[in-house]
Structure formats: structure tokens, C-alpha cells
C-alpha atoms as a PDB file:
ATOM      1  CA  MET A   1      77.369  60.725  89.695  1.00  0.00           C
ATOM      2  CA  ALA A   2      78.072  60.751  93.415  1.00  0.00           C
ATOM      3  CA  LYS A   3      76.188  58.353  95.628  1.00  0.00           C
ATOM      4  CA  LYS A   4      73.254  59.682  97.645  1.00  0.00           C
ATOM      5  CA  ALA A   5      74.027  59.969 101.345  1.00  0.00           C
ATOM      6  CA  VAL A   6      70.480  61.080 102.210  1.00  0.00           C
ATOM      7  CA  GLU A   7      67.286  60.555 100.247  1.00  0.00           C
ATOM      8  CA  ILE A   8      63.998  61.948 101.562  1.00  0.00           C
ATOM      9  CA  ARG A   9      60.579  61.743  99.919  1.00  0.00           C
ATOM     10  CA  ASN A  10      57.301  63.274 101.098  1.00  0.00           C
ATOM     11  CA  LEU A  11      58.396  63.684 104.718  1.00  0.00           C
ATOM     12  CA  ASN A  12      55.753  65.141 107.025  1.00  0.00           C
ATOM     13  CA  TYR A  13      55.847  65.532 110.780  1.00  0.00           C
ATOM     14  CA  THR A  14      53.223  66.799 113.221  1.00  0.00           C
ATOM     15  CA  TYR A  15      53.975  67.310 116.912  1.00  0.00           C
ATOM     16  CA  PRO A  16      51.579  65.813 119.491  1.00  0.00           C
ATOM     17  CA  ASP A  17      50.025  69.250 120.090  1.00  0.00           C
ATOM     18  CA  GLY A  18      48.978  69.386 116.437  1.00  0.00           C
ATOM     19  CA  THR A  19      51.742  71.691 115.205  1.00  0.00           C
ATOM     20  CA  LYS A  20      52.679  70.788 111.643  1.00  0.00           C
ATOM     21  CA  ALA A  21      56.486  70.990 111.706  1.00  0.00           C
ATOM     22  CA  LEU A  22      57.470  69.491 108.330  1.00  0.00           C
ATOM     23  CA  ARG A  23      55.435  69.495 105.139  1.00  0.00           C
ATOM     24  CA  ASP A  24      56.177  67.370 102.064  1.00  0.00           C
ATOM     25  CA  ILE A  25      59.971  67.516 102.349  1.00  0.00           C
ATOM     26  CA  ASN A  26      61.784  66.093  99.307  1.00  0.00           C
ATOM     27  CA  LEU A  27      65.574  66.308  99.377  1.00  0.00           C
ATOM     28  CA  ASP A  28      68.672  64.470  98.177  1.00  0.00           C
ATOM     29  CA  ILE A  29      72.099  65.057  99.710  1.00  0.00           C
ATOM     30  CA  LEU A  30      75.080  63.565  97.911  1.00  0.00           C
ATOM     31  CA  ALA A  31      77.993  61.830  99.598  1.00  0.00           C
ATOM     32  CA  GLY A  32      80.668  64.375 100.447  1.00  0.00           C
ATOM     33  CA  GLU A  33      78.319  67.331 100.073  1.00  0.00           C
ATOM     34  CA  SER A  34      77.968  70.018 102.751  1.00  0.00           C
ATOM     35  CA  VAL A  35      74.424  71.369 102.973  1.00  0.00           C
ATOM     36  CA  GLY A  36      73.188  74.239 105.116  1.00  0.00           C
ATOM     37  CA  ILE A  37      69.648  74.179 106.485  1.00  0.00           C
ATOM     38  CA  ILE A  38      68.515  77.755 107.099  1.00  0.00           C
ATOM     39  CA  GLY A  39      65.326  79.628 107.884  1.00  0.00           C
ATOM     40  CA  PRO A  40      63.597  81.636 110.620  1.00  0.00           C
ATOM     41  CA  ASN A  41      62.869  80.388 114.123  1.00  0.00           C
ATOM     42  CA  GLY A  42      60.169  77.752 114.041  1.00  0.00           C
ATOM     43  CA  ALA A  43      60.854  76.832 110.424  1.00  0.00           C
ATOM     44  CA  GLY A  44      61.484  73.166 111.272  1.00  0.00           C
ATOM     45  CA  LYS A  45      65.274  73.056 111.030  1.00  0.00           C
ATOM     46  CA  THR A  46      65.961  71.091 114.226  1.00  0.00           C
ATOM     47  CA  THR A  47      62.921  68.878 113.645  1.00  0.00           C
ATOM     48  CA  PHE A  48      64.366  68.024 110.233  1.00  0.00           C
ATOM     49  CA  LEU A  49      67.781  67.170 111.669  1.00  0.00           C
ATOM     50  CA  LEU A  50      66.252  64.858 114.284  1.00  0.00           C
ATOM     51  CA  HIS A  51      64.768  62.737 111.489  1.00  0.00           C
ATOM     52  CA  LEU A  52      68.196  61.974 110.024  1.00  0.00           C
ATOM     53  CA  ASN A  53      69.059  59.472 112.753  1.00  0.00           C
ATOM     54  CA  GLY A  54      65.578  58.453 113.795  1.00  0.00           C
ATOM     55  CA  ILE A  55      65.140  60.464 116.999  1.00  0.00           C
ATOM     56  CA  LEU A  56      61.896  61.689 115.446  1.00  0.00           C
ATOM     57  CA  LYS A  57      59.856  59.632 113.001  1.00  0.00           C
ATOM     58  CA  GLY A  58      57.397  61.295 110.661  1.00  0.00           C
ATOM     59  CA  GLU A  59      55.413  60.071 107.691  1.00  0.00           C
ATOM     60  CA  GLY A  60      57.343  59.553 104.471  1.00  0.00           C
ATOM     61  CA  PHE A  61      60.427  57.825 103.096  1.00  0.00           C
ATOM     62  CA  ILE A  62      63.990  58.344 104.378  1.00  0.00           C
ATOM     63  CA  LYS A  63      67.047  56.459 103.172  1.00  0.00           C
ATOM     64  CA  ILE A  64      70.463  57.007 104.735  1.00  0.00           C
ATOM     65  CA  LEU A  65      73.270  55.609 102.572  1.00  0.00           C
ATOM     66  CA  ASP A  66      72.076  52.058 101.803  1.00  0.00           C
ATOM     67  CA  PHE A  67      69.628  51.834 104.697  1.00  0.00           C
ATOM     68  CA  GLU A  68      65.939  52.681 104.654  1.00  0.00           C
ATOM     69  CA  MET A  69      64.865  54.317 107.905  1.00  0.00           C
ATOM     70  CA  ASN A  70      63.093  51.632 109.909  1.00  0.00           C
ATOM     71  CA  GLY A  71      63.429  49.790 113.198  1.00  0.00           C
ATOM     72  CA  LYS A  72      65.603  47.079 111.708  1.00  0.00           C
ATOM     73  CA  ASN A  73      68.180  49.532 110.345  1.00  0.00           C
ATOM     74  CA  LEU A  74      68.047  52.154 113.093  1.00  0.00           C
ATOM     75  CA  ALA A  75      71.159  51.038 114.988  1.00  0.00           C
ATOM     76  CA  GLN A  76      73.235  50.964 111.783  1.00  0.00           C
ATOM     77  CA  ILE A  77      71.932  54.381 110.724  1.00  0.00           C
ATOM     78  CA  ARG A  78      72.878  55.880 114.095  1.00  0.00           C
ATOM     79  CA  ASN A  79      76.389  54.531 113.653  1.00  0.00           C
ATOM     80  CA  GLU A  80      76.617  56.305 110.302  1.00  0.00           C
ATOM     81  CA  VAL A  81      74.965  59.618 111.281  1.00  0.00           C
ATOM     82  CA  GLY A  82      76.714  61.632 113.986  1.00  0.00           C
ATOM     83  CA  LEU A  83      74.373  64.239 115.485  1.00  0.00           C
ATOM     84  CA  VAL A  84      75.842  67.208 117.388  1.00  0.00           C
ATOM     85  CA  PHE A  85      73.265  69.095 119.447  1.00  0.00           C
ATOM     86  CA  GLN A  86      73.166  72.882 119.737  1.00  0.00           C
ATOM     87  CA  ASP A  87      73.825  72.808 123.494  1.00  0.00           C
ATOM     88  CA  PRO A  88      76.937  70.776 124.399  1.00  0.00           C
ATOM     89  CA  GLU A  89      75.468  70.188 127.879  1.00  0.00           C
ATOM     90  CA  ASN A  90      73.067  67.783 126.147  1.00  0.00           C
ATOM     91  CA  GLN A  91      76.007  65.821 124.746  1.00  0.00           C
ATOM     92  CA  LEU A  92      78.517  65.776 127.601  1.00  0.00           C
ATOM     93  CA  PHE A  93      77.495  63.857 130.705  1.00  0.00           C
ATOM     94  CA  MET A  94      80.460  61.696 131.728  1.00  0.00           C
ATOM     95  CA  PRO A  95      83.174  62.496 134.341  1.00  0.00           C
ATOM     96  CA  THR A  96      86.013  63.115 131.867  1.00  0.00           C
ATOM     97  CA  VAL A  97      86.556  64.073 128.241  1.00  0.00           C
ATOM     98  CA  PHE A  98      87.868  60.568 127.553  1.00  0.00           C
ATOM     99  CA  ASP A  99      84.697  59.030 128.989  1.00  0.00           C
ATOM    100  CA  ASP A 100      82.487  61.274 126.871  1.00  0.00           C
ATOM    101  CA  VAL A 101      84.393  60.725 123.633  1.00  0.00           C
ATOM    102  CA  SER A 102      84.717  56.976 124.187  1.00  0.00           C
ATOM    103  CA  PHE A 103      81.034  56.513 125.081  1.00  0.00           C
ATOM    104  CA  GLY A 104      79.965  55.762 121.504  1.00  0.00           C
ATOM    105  CA  PRO A 105      82.793  53.350 120.650  1.00  0.00           C
ATOM    106  CA  VAL A 106      82.294  51.555 123.987  1.00  0.00           C
ATOM    107  CA  ASN A 107      78.612  51.052 123.199  1.00  0.00           C
ATOM    108  CA  MET A 108      79.571  49.814 119.742  1.00  0.00           C
ATOM    109  CA  MET A 109      81.499  47.119 121.676  1.00  0.00           C
ATOM    110  CA  LEU A 110      84.766  47.859 119.908  1.00  0.00           C
ATOM    111  CA  PRO A 111      88.021  46.356 121.214  1.00  0.00           C
ATOM    112  CA  SER A 112      89.771  48.529 123.809  1.00  0.00           C
ATOM    113  CA  ALA A 113      92.704  49.312 121.515  1.00  0.00           C
ATOM    114  CA  GLU A 114      90.321  50.502 118.807  1.00  0.00           C
ATOM    115  CA  ILE A 115      88.387  52.593 121.331  1.00  0.00           C
ATOM    116  CA  GLN A 116      91.599  54.314 122.416  1.00  0.00           C
ATOM    117  CA  ALA A 117      92.622  54.904 118.801  1.00  0.00           C
ATOM    118  CA  SER A 118      89.192  56.354 117.968  1.00  0.00           C
ATOM    119  CA  VAL A 119      89.345  58.735 120.936  1.00  0.00           C
ATOM    120  CA  ASN A 120      92.889  59.824 120.069  1.00  0.00           C
ATOM    121  CA  GLU A 121      91.936  60.463 116.460  1.00  0.00           C
ATOM    122  CA  ALA A 122      88.742  62.373 117.305  1.00  0.00           C
ATOM    123  CA  LEU A 123      90.371  64.638 119.886  1.00  0.00           C
ATOM    124  CA  LYS A 124      93.272  65.348 117.560  1.00  0.00           C
ATOM    125  CA  GLU A 125      90.830  66.288 114.798  1.00  0.00           C
ATOM    126  CA  VAL A 126      89.103  68.863 117.024  1.00  0.00           C
ATOM    127  CA  GLY A 127      92.421  70.256 118.293  1.00  0.00           C
ATOM    128  CA  MET A 128      92.213  68.905 121.851  1.00  0.00           C
ATOM    129  CA  PRO A 129      94.558  65.894 121.944  1.00  0.00           C
ATOM    130  CA  ASP A 130      95.773  66.559 125.493  1.00  0.00           C
ATOM    131  CA  SER A 131      92.357  66.934 127.122  1.00  0.00           C
ATOM    132  CA  MET A 132      91.420  63.312 127.841  1.00  0.00           C
ATOM    133  CA  LYS A 133      91.697  63.540 131.622  1.00  0.00           C
ATOM    134  CA  ARG A 134      89.991  66.912 131.971  1.00  0.00           C
ATOM    135  CA  SER A 135      86.469  67.204 133.323  1.00  0.00           C
ATOM    136  CA  SER A 136      84.077  67.989 130.481  1.00  0.00           C
ATOM    137  CA  HIS A 137      82.135  70.336 132.766  1.00  0.00           C
ATOM    138  CA  HIS A 138      85.219  72.458 133.524  1.00  0.00           C
ATOM    139  CA  LEU A 139      85.899  73.247 129.864  1.00  0.00           C
ATOM    140  CA  SER A 140      85.174  76.582 128.244  1.00  0.00           C
ATOM    141  CA  PHE A 141      82.027  76.749 126.128  1.00  0.00           C
ATOM    142  CA  GLY A 142      84.070  76.650 122.924  1.00  0.00           C
ATOM    143  CA  GLU A 143      85.993  73.617 124.169  1.00  0.00           C
ATOM    144  CA  LYS A 144      82.727  71.906 125.052  1.00  0.00           C
ATOM    145  CA  LYS A 145      81.521  72.499 121.486  1.00  0.00           C
ATOM    146  CA  ARG A 146      84.658  70.881 120.114  1.00  0.00           C
ATOM    147  CA  VAL A 147      84.473  67.907 122.467  1.00  0.00           C
ATOM    148  CA  SER A 148      80.816  67.459 121.487  1.00  0.00           C
ATOM    149  CA  ILE A 149      81.954  67.131 117.875  1.00  0.00           C
ATOM    150  CA  ALA A 150      84.639  64.666 118.981  1.00  0.00           C
ATOM    151  CA  THR A 151      82.001  62.469 120.673  1.00  0.00           C
ATOM    152  CA  VAL A 152      80.479  61.747 117.274  1.00  0.00           C
ATOM    153  CA  LEU A 153      83.725  61.706 115.262  1.00  0.00           C
ATOM    154  CA  SER A 154      84.976  58.911 117.532  1.00  0.00           C
ATOM    155  CA  MET A 155      82.234  56.684 116.076  1.00  0.00           C
ATOM    156  CA  ARG A 156      83.609  57.401 112.591  1.00  0.00           C
ATOM    157  CA  PRO A 157      80.254  58.229 110.998  1.00  0.00           C
ATOM    158  CA  GLN A 158      79.944  58.933 107.299  1.00  0.00           C
ATOM    159  CA  ILE A 159      77.510  61.807 107.871  1.00  0.00           C
ATOM    160  CA  LEU A 160      77.923  64.654 110.352  1.00  0.00           C
ATOM    161  CA  VAL A 161      74.763  66.542 111.378  1.00  0.00           C
ATOM    162  CA  LEU A 162      75.119  69.745 113.418  1.00  0.00           C
ATOM    163  CA  ASP A 163      72.528  72.040 114.984  1.00  0.00           C
ATOM    164  CA  GLU A 164      73.735  75.661 115.336  1.00  0.00           C
ATOM    165  CA  PRO A 165      77.436  74.778 115.808  1.00  0.00           C
ATOM    166  CA  THR A 166      78.544  78.429 116.169  1.00  0.00           C
ATOM    167  CA  SER A 167      75.770  79.645 118.488  1.00  0.00           C
ATOM    168  CA  ASN A 168      76.808  81.465 121.701  1.00  0.00           C
ATOM    169  CA  LEU A 169      80.514  81.413 120.788  1.00  0.00           C
ATOM    170  CA  ASP A 170      82.859  84.383 121.050  1.00  0.00           C
ATOM    171  CA  PRO A 171      84.536  85.476 117.779  1.00  0.00           C
ATOM    172  CA  LYS A 172      87.646  83.337 118.333  1.00  0.00           C
ATOM    173  CA  GLY A 173      85.616  80.267 119.245  1.00  0.00           C
ATOM    174  CA  ARG A 174      83.421  80.781 116.192  1.00  0.00           C
ATOM    175  CA  ARG A 175      86.444  81.031 113.897  1.00  0.00           C
ATOM    176  CA  ASN A 176      87.868  77.854 115.420  1.00  0.00           C
ATOM    177  CA  ILE A 177      84.650  75.919 114.812  1.00  0.00           C
ATOM    178  CA  ILE A 178      84.375  77.150 111.218  1.00  0.00           C
ATOM    179  CA  LYS A 179      87.983  76.133 110.526  1.00  0.00           C
ATOM    180  CA  LEU A 180      87.399  72.767 112.199  1.00  0.00           C
ATOM    181  CA  LEU A 181      84.248  71.989 110.224  1.00  0.00           C
ATOM    182  CA  LYS A 182      85.795  73.072 106.921  1.00  0.00           C
ATOM    183  CA  GLY A 183      88.573  70.544 107.519  1.00  0.00           C
ATOM    184  CA  ILE A 184      86.299  67.563 108.216  1.00  0.00           C
ATOM    185  CA  ASP A 185      86.017  65.463 105.068  1.00  0.00           C
ATOM    186  CA  LYS A 186      82.539  64.020 105.536  1.00  0.00           C
ATOM    187  CA  THR A 187      79.025  64.616 104.315  1.00  0.00           C
ATOM    188  CA  LYS A 188      77.793  67.504 106.481  1.00  0.00           C
ATOM    189  CA  VAL A 189      74.291  68.796 107.195  1.00  0.00           C
ATOM    190  CA  ILE A 190      74.329  72.017 109.229  1.00  0.00           C
ATOM    191  CA  ALA A 191      71.310  73.924 110.542  1.00  0.00           C
ATOM    192  CA  SER A 192      72.090  77.509 111.505  1.00  0.00           C
ATOM    193  CA  HIS A 193      71.139  81.185 111.527  1.00  0.00           C
ATOM    194  CA  ASP A 194      74.835  81.987 110.923  1.00  0.00           C
ATOM    195  CA  LEU A 195      74.677  82.648 107.185  1.00  0.00           C
ATOM    196  CA  GLU A 196      78.322  83.649 106.935  1.00  0.00           C
ATOM    197  CA  MET A 197      79.363  80.330 108.453  1.00  0.00           C
ATOM    198  CA  ILE A 198      77.037  78.451 106.084  1.00  0.00           C
ATOM    199  CA  SER A 199      78.511  80.287 103.085  1.00  0.00           C
ATOM    200  CA  LYS A 200      82.063  79.365 104.161  1.00  0.00           C
ATOM    201  CA  ILE A 201      81.399  75.671 104.808  1.00  0.00           C
ATOM    202  CA  CYS A 202      78.464  74.579 102.677  1.00  0.00           C
ATOM    203  CA  SER A 203      78.268  74.096  98.936  1.00  0.00           C
ATOM    204  CA  ARG A 204      74.476  74.389  98.987  1.00  0.00           C
ATOM    205  CA  TYR A 205      71.755  75.704 101.243  1.00  0.00           C
ATOM    206  CA  VAL A 206      68.133  74.689 101.765  1.00  0.00           C
ATOM    207  CA  PHE A 207      65.746  77.370 103.014  1.00  0.00           C
ATOM    208  CA  LEU A 208      62.916  76.154 105.236  1.00  0.00           C
ATOM    209  CA  GLU A 209      59.859  78.214 106.091  1.00  0.00           C
ATOM    210  CA  ARG A 210      56.897  76.871 108.073  1.00  0.00           C
ATOM    211  CA  GLY A 211      58.161  73.350 107.568  1.00  0.00           C
ATOM    212  CA  THR A 212      58.411  73.617 103.789  1.00  0.00           C
ATOM    213  CA  ILE A 213      61.434  73.846 101.497  1.00  0.00           C
ATOM    214  CA  VAL A 214      60.904  77.141  99.692  1.00  0.00           C
ATOM    215  CA  ARG A 215      64.327  77.410  98.084  1.00  0.00           C
ATOM    216  CA  SER A 216      67.538  75.490  97.447  1.00  0.00           C
ATOM    217  CA  ASP A 217      70.571  77.144  95.909  1.00  0.00           C
ATOM    218  CA  SER A 218      74.333  76.922  95.634  1.00  0.00           C
ATOM    219  CA  THR A 219      75.021  80.603  94.939  1.00  0.00           C
ATOM    220  CA  PRO A 220      76.707  82.412  97.865  1.00  0.00           C
ATOM    221  CA  GLU A 221      75.434  85.796  96.644  1.00  0.00           C
ATOM    222  CA  ASN A 222      71.861  84.555  96.816  1.00  0.00           C
ATOM    223  CA  LEU A 223      72.444  83.303 100.349  1.00  0.00           C
ATOM    224  CA  ALA A 224      73.842  86.669 101.428  1.00  0.00           C
ATOM    225  CA  ASN A 225      70.828  88.477 100.020  1.00  0.00           C
ATOM    226  CA  LEU A 226      68.216  85.977 101.138  1.00  0.00           C
ATOM    227  CA  PHE A 227      66.845  87.994 104.042  1.00  0.00           C
ATOM    228  CA  SER A 228      67.434  91.454 102.557  1.00  0.00           C
ATOM    229  CA  GLY A 229      64.449  93.701 102.090  1.00  0.00           C
END
């Protein structure tokens, strides 16, 4: 049986204002699996994602690969879990694409040759190998999305976590992102309202409603019909 990439038991999270965002979440994600996290607005999708690399910390047990989520293991977990935010403006803040994509490897204190190789590899994987010297803020929105993915790929994580990767993209940009994500051979956890994208990339979906897992399935037909009626 495949190794567990993510193991979650009895995860609960309440925001400071008293809003109960996650309720008794129990979920295993296997290494190499692609899992879609779906549900209506306010269901807890983004809150769930932010627990996978310790940005938020609720009550319960989380294990990422061989590391239990705690202060001692947090740095290692963040090296292994690459989180791509919904808005690329939250991910891109350096003067050039190279600076943005190299930020993670630099902070991992890798040798300069390895940093350069990681940046080259990540930008090639997202289809932007000649963009190193460009200003991140002068890119198109679709290009910013791809560079945002490159900023985490450059750290060579084992798990890729994405929040609404196709949101606000034109049809061509959306197709490019779907093709890109399908080609990335990593464990993937993707939160989205884009059910067609989820059905093309993910082998399983988890439906959240009011912070609770109400359904998990691997049948594309069931996903397509989930919100019907």
C-alpha cells in the first residue's frame, strides 16, 4: 500500500471571533495522490489548506509524511509542503522572477549552483524558462499564476497544495494551468470551485460543508452531479 503523505485525525479549528471553521476532520491522502477539496463558500476549504503547512494550528493530530505537526518539525514540513495561494500577488514580492523563484532555496541556504539549478528547473516546468529577468509585477495574470507555482516547485516539495489555481483566468490561461498541474508528478491537494478542473486532475474529491467532510468519492460522474438539483 502507498505511503501516507497526509494523515489527519479529529482536526477542529475555531477562528478568534468564535466561528467554527473545521469540525472533526479525519482524512488520509496517499503519496502520489491528487485530491480535490470542494464545497460552497465558507465551507472551510482554505482554512483546511492552511493547516497543511502550519500557517494555522487547530486542535487535533496532523502528520505530514514522517513528521507530526509541531514546532520542532514545522520548518521541515514547510520544506515538504509547497503552498500556492489563490492570489499570486500574495506570493510574488521580489523585483524579478528569478528573485521570487529563488527566495525559498536561498532561505534554505542551498549552495548558489543548486539555487540556480532549482530556479531553472522550476521555471522550465511551468513553461517560463526565459523569464528570469522579467519583473514579476509586469507579468500577465496567467504568468503570475505560473510563477507562483514555480516559487514552490523550486523548493522541491513532495506535496503541492493549491488554493483556487484556475480562478480569474481566461480560457487559455485556465487550460495552461490544468495542463501544467496534470504534468506535475507530486502529491497534490487542490481546493477549488472549478469542478471540471478537479475532475481532470484529481483522482478523488473531498466535499466540505460547514467545516465538515460530508462526502469523499473517486467517481467523476458523482462529482459532476454533486450540485445538481
